């Protein structure tokens, strides 16, 4: 088994810090599966976007994909323009190089 560059938590922490530097339009691109796949090689969008008026129950239910599997977390949630964003939790060794390149590109 190969050594990982980052743990899943480290990925989420680093992305949460880097996101502050991005425009709203760039953040919204990561709500799309295709853009997230291209940049990070993940199979679901990096961010899940829900309106601010969602209740805690609605926010919890939104974390599940169409199969009922939780794919995002509110642990690194942020708020922009009336929406809350949850972050993807599905990170594997194959994603580490993609994450590292992206982090370098936004520094």
C-alpha atoms as a PDB file:
ATOM      1  CA  UNK A   1       0.000   0.000   0.000  1.00  0.00           C
ATOM      2  CA  UNK A   2       1.430   3.362  -1.006  1.00  0.00           C
ATOM      3  CA  UNK A   3       1.911   6.277   1.352  1.00  0.00           C
ATOM      4  CA  UNK A   4      -0.704   9.004   0.924  1.00  0.00           C
ATOM      5  CA  UNK A   5       0.319  12.622   0.429  1.00  0.00           C
ATOM      6  CA  UNK A   6      -2.696  13.831   2.418  1.00  0.00           C
ATOM      7  CA  UNK A   7      -5.317  12.344   4.698  1.00  0.00           C
ATOM      8  CA  UNK A   8      -8.944  13.021   3.802  1.00  0.00           C
ATOM      9  CA  UNK A   9      -9.164  15.568   6.624  1.00  0.00           C
ATOM     10  CA  UNK A  10      -6.028  17.361   5.401  1.00  0.00           C
ATOM     11  CA  UNK A  11      -7.496  17.579   1.900  1.00  0.00           C
ATOM     12  CA  UNK A  12     -10.691  19.084   3.241  1.00  0.00           C
ATOM     13  CA  UNK A  13      -8.838  21.551   5.491  1.00  0.00           C
ATOM     14  CA  UNK A  14      -6.518  22.677   2.680  1.00  0.00           C
ATOM     15  CA  UNK A  15      -9.345  23.088   0.178  1.00  0.00           C
ATOM     16  CA  UNK A  16     -11.427  24.995   2.756  1.00  0.00           C
ATOM     17  CA  UNK A  17      -8.547  27.439   3.250  1.00  0.00           C
ATOM     18  CA  UNK A  18      -7.832  27.805  -0.486  1.00  0.00           C
ATOM     19  CA  UNK A  19     -11.486  28.357  -1.428  1.00  0.00           C
ATOM     20  CA  UNK A  20     -11.405  31.758   0.275  1.00  0.00           C
ATOM     21  CA  UNK A  21      -9.180  32.975  -2.579  1.00  0.00           C
ATOM     22  CA  UNK A  22     -11.616  31.940  -5.341  1.00  0.00           C
ATOM     23  CA  UNK A  23     -14.349  33.954  -6.983  1.00  0.00           C
ATOM     24  CA  UNK A  24     -17.987  32.971  -6.591  1.00  0.00           C
ATOM     25  CA  UNK A  25     -18.011  31.777 -10.204  1.00  0.00           C
ATOM     26  CA  UNK A  26     -14.991  29.533  -9.617  1.00  0.00           C
ATOM     27  CA  UNK A  27     -16.554  28.084  -6.462  1.00  0.00           C
ATOM     28  CA  UNK A  28     -19.785  27.356  -8.340  1.00  0.00           C
ATOM     29  CA  UNK A  29     -17.852  25.446 -11.029  1.00  0.00           C
ATOM     30  CA  UNK A  30     -16.968  22.953  -8.292  1.00  0.00           C
ATOM     31  CA  UNK A  31     -20.669  22.266  -7.742  1.00  0.00           C
ATOM     32  CA  UNK A  32     -20.576  20.471 -11.094  1.00  0.00           C
ATOM     33  CA  UNK A  33     -19.540  16.851 -11.372  1.00  0.00           C
ATOM     34  CA  UNK A  34     -17.667  17.365 -14.666  1.00  0.00           C
ATOM     35  CA  UNK A  35     -15.465  20.201 -13.381  1.00  0.00           C
ATOM     36  CA  UNK A  36     -14.723  18.376 -10.124  1.00  0.00           C
ATOM     37  CA  UNK A  37     -13.815  15.225 -12.064  1.00  0.00           C
ATOM     38  CA  UNK A  38     -11.449  17.150 -14.342  1.00  0.00           C
ATOM     39  CA  UNK A  39      -9.683  19.010 -11.533  1.00  0.00           C
ATOM     40  CA  UNK A  40      -9.644  16.395  -8.744  1.00  0.00           C
ATOM     41  CA  UNK A  41     -10.595  13.074 -10.394  1.00  0.00           C
ATOM     42  CA  UNK A  42     -13.560  12.671  -8.036  1.00  0.00           C
ATOM     43  CA  UNK A  43     -16.868  11.172  -9.112  1.00  0.00           C
ATOM     44  CA  UNK A  44     -19.179  13.650  -7.364  1.00  0.00           C
ATOM     45  CA  UNK A  45     -19.104  17.457  -7.205  1.00  0.00           C
ATOM     46  CA  UNK A  46     -16.561  18.915  -4.805  1.00  0.00           C
ATOM     47  CA  UNK A  47     -19.270  21.075  -3.251  1.00  0.00           C
ATOM     48  CA  UNK A  48     -22.927  20.609  -2.500  1.00  0.00           C
ATOM     49  CA  UNK A  49     -24.780  23.935  -2.545  1.00  0.00           C
ATOM     50  CA  UNK A  50     -28.025  24.490  -0.628  1.00  0.00           C
ATOM     51  CA  UNK A  51     -30.006  27.647   0.173  1.00  0.00           C
ATOM     52  CA  UNK A  52     -29.488  29.337   3.564  1.00  0.00           C
ATOM     53  CA  UNK A  53     -33.112  28.746   4.490  1.00  0.00           C
ATOM     54  CA  UNK A  54     -32.639  24.952   4.614  1.00  0.00           C
ATOM     55  CA  UNK A  55     -33.352  23.462   8.035  1.00  0.00           C
ATOM     56  CA  UNK A  56     -30.776  21.240   9.747  1.00  0.00           C
ATOM     57  CA  UNK A  57     -32.821  18.209   8.655  1.00  0.00           C
ATOM     58  CA  UNK A  58     -32.884  19.386   5.040  1.00  0.00           C
ATOM     59  CA  UNK A  59     -29.144  20.033   5.155  1.00  0.00           C
ATOM     60  CA  UNK A  60     -28.523  16.541   6.578  1.00  0.00           C
ATOM     61  CA  UNK A  61     -30.697  14.904   3.926  1.00  0.00           C
ATOM     62  CA  UNK A  62     -28.965  16.858   1.144  1.00  0.00           C
ATOM     63  CA  UNK A  63     -25.652  15.151   1.955  1.00  0.00           C
ATOM     64  CA  UNK A  64     -26.902  11.883   0.471  1.00  0.00           C
ATOM     65  CA  UNK A  65     -26.477  10.973  -3.185  1.00  0.00           C
ATOM     66  CA  UNK A  66     -29.190   9.328  -5.293  1.00  0.00           C
ATOM     67  CA  UNK A  67     -28.338   5.951  -3.686  1.00  0.00           C
ATOM     68  CA  UNK A  68     -28.675   7.322  -0.158  1.00  0.00           C
ATOM     69  CA  UNK A  69     -24.906   7.347   0.495  1.00  0.00           C
ATOM     70  CA  UNK A  70     -23.484  10.369   2.340  1.00  0.00           C
ATOM     71  CA  UNK A  71     -20.932  11.977  -0.014  1.00  0.00           C
ATOM     72  CA  UNK A  72     -20.458  15.449   1.550  1.00  0.00           C
ATOM     73  CA  UNK A  73     -19.864  16.920   4.997  1.00  0.00           C
ATOM     74  CA  UNK A  74     -20.847  20.152   6.709  1.00  0.00           C
ATOM     75  CA  UNK A  75     -17.634  20.021   8.809  1.00  0.00           C
ATOM     76  CA  UNK A  76     -15.977  22.536   6.458  1.00  0.00           C
ATOM     77  CA  UNK A  77     -19.129  24.405   5.476  1.00  0.00           C
ATOM     78  CA  UNK A  78     -18.953  27.944   4.224  1.00  0.00           C
ATOM     79  CA  UNK A  79     -21.543  30.495   3.219  1.00  0.00           C
ATOM     80  CA  UNK A  80     -21.633  32.699   0.118  1.00  0.00           C
ATOM     81  CA  UNK A  81     -24.413  34.781  -1.364  1.00  0.00           C
ATOM     82  CA  UNK A  82     -27.263  33.108   0.498  1.00  0.00           C
ATOM     83  CA  UNK A  83     -26.055  29.520   0.086  1.00  0.00           C
ATOM     84  CA  UNK A  84     -24.270  27.012   2.277  1.00  0.00           C
ATOM     85  CA  UNK A  85     -21.654  24.741   0.719  1.00  0.00           C
ATOM     86  CA  UNK A  86     -20.760  21.256   1.978  1.00  0.00           C
ATOM     87  CA  UNK A  87     -17.524  19.521   0.925  1.00  0.00           C
ATOM     88  CA  UNK A  88     -16.947  16.150  -0.691  1.00  0.00           C
ATOM     89  CA  UNK A  89     -15.785  13.366   1.643  1.00  0.00           C
ATOM     90  CA  UNK A  90     -14.768  10.821  -0.991  1.00  0.00           C
ATOM     91  CA  UNK A  91     -10.974  11.074  -1.308  1.00  0.00           C
ATOM     92  CA  UNK A  92      -8.573   8.307  -2.282  1.00  0.00           C
ATOM     93  CA  UNK A  93      -4.837   7.988  -2.920  1.00  0.00           C
ATOM     94  CA  UNK A  94      -5.386   8.556  -6.655  1.00  0.00           C
ATOM     95  CA  UNK A  95      -6.764  12.038  -5.876  1.00  0.00           C
ATOM     96  CA  UNK A  96      -3.741  13.250  -3.901  1.00  0.00           C
ATOM     97  CA  UNK A  97      -1.671  14.362  -6.907  1.00  0.00           C
ATOM     98  CA  UNK A  98      -4.660  16.241  -8.328  1.00  0.00           C
ATOM     99  CA  UNK A  99      -5.230  17.993  -5.004  1.00  0.00           C
ATOM    100  CA  UNK A 100      -1.558  18.884  -4.701  1.00  0.00           C
ATOM    101  CA  UNK A 101      -1.462  20.380  -8.230  1.00  0.00           C
ATOM    102  CA  UNK A 102      -4.633  22.379  -7.647  1.00  0.00           C
ATOM    103  CA  UNK A 103      -3.410  23.731  -4.321  1.00  0.00           C
ATOM    104  CA  UNK A 104      -0.181  24.866  -5.989  1.00  0.00           C
ATOM    105  CA  UNK A 105      -2.156  26.548  -8.764  1.00  0.00           C
ATOM    106  CA  UNK A 106      -4.217  28.649  -6.340  1.00  0.00           C
ATOM    107  CA  UNK A 107      -1.363  29.716  -4.059  1.00  0.00           C
END
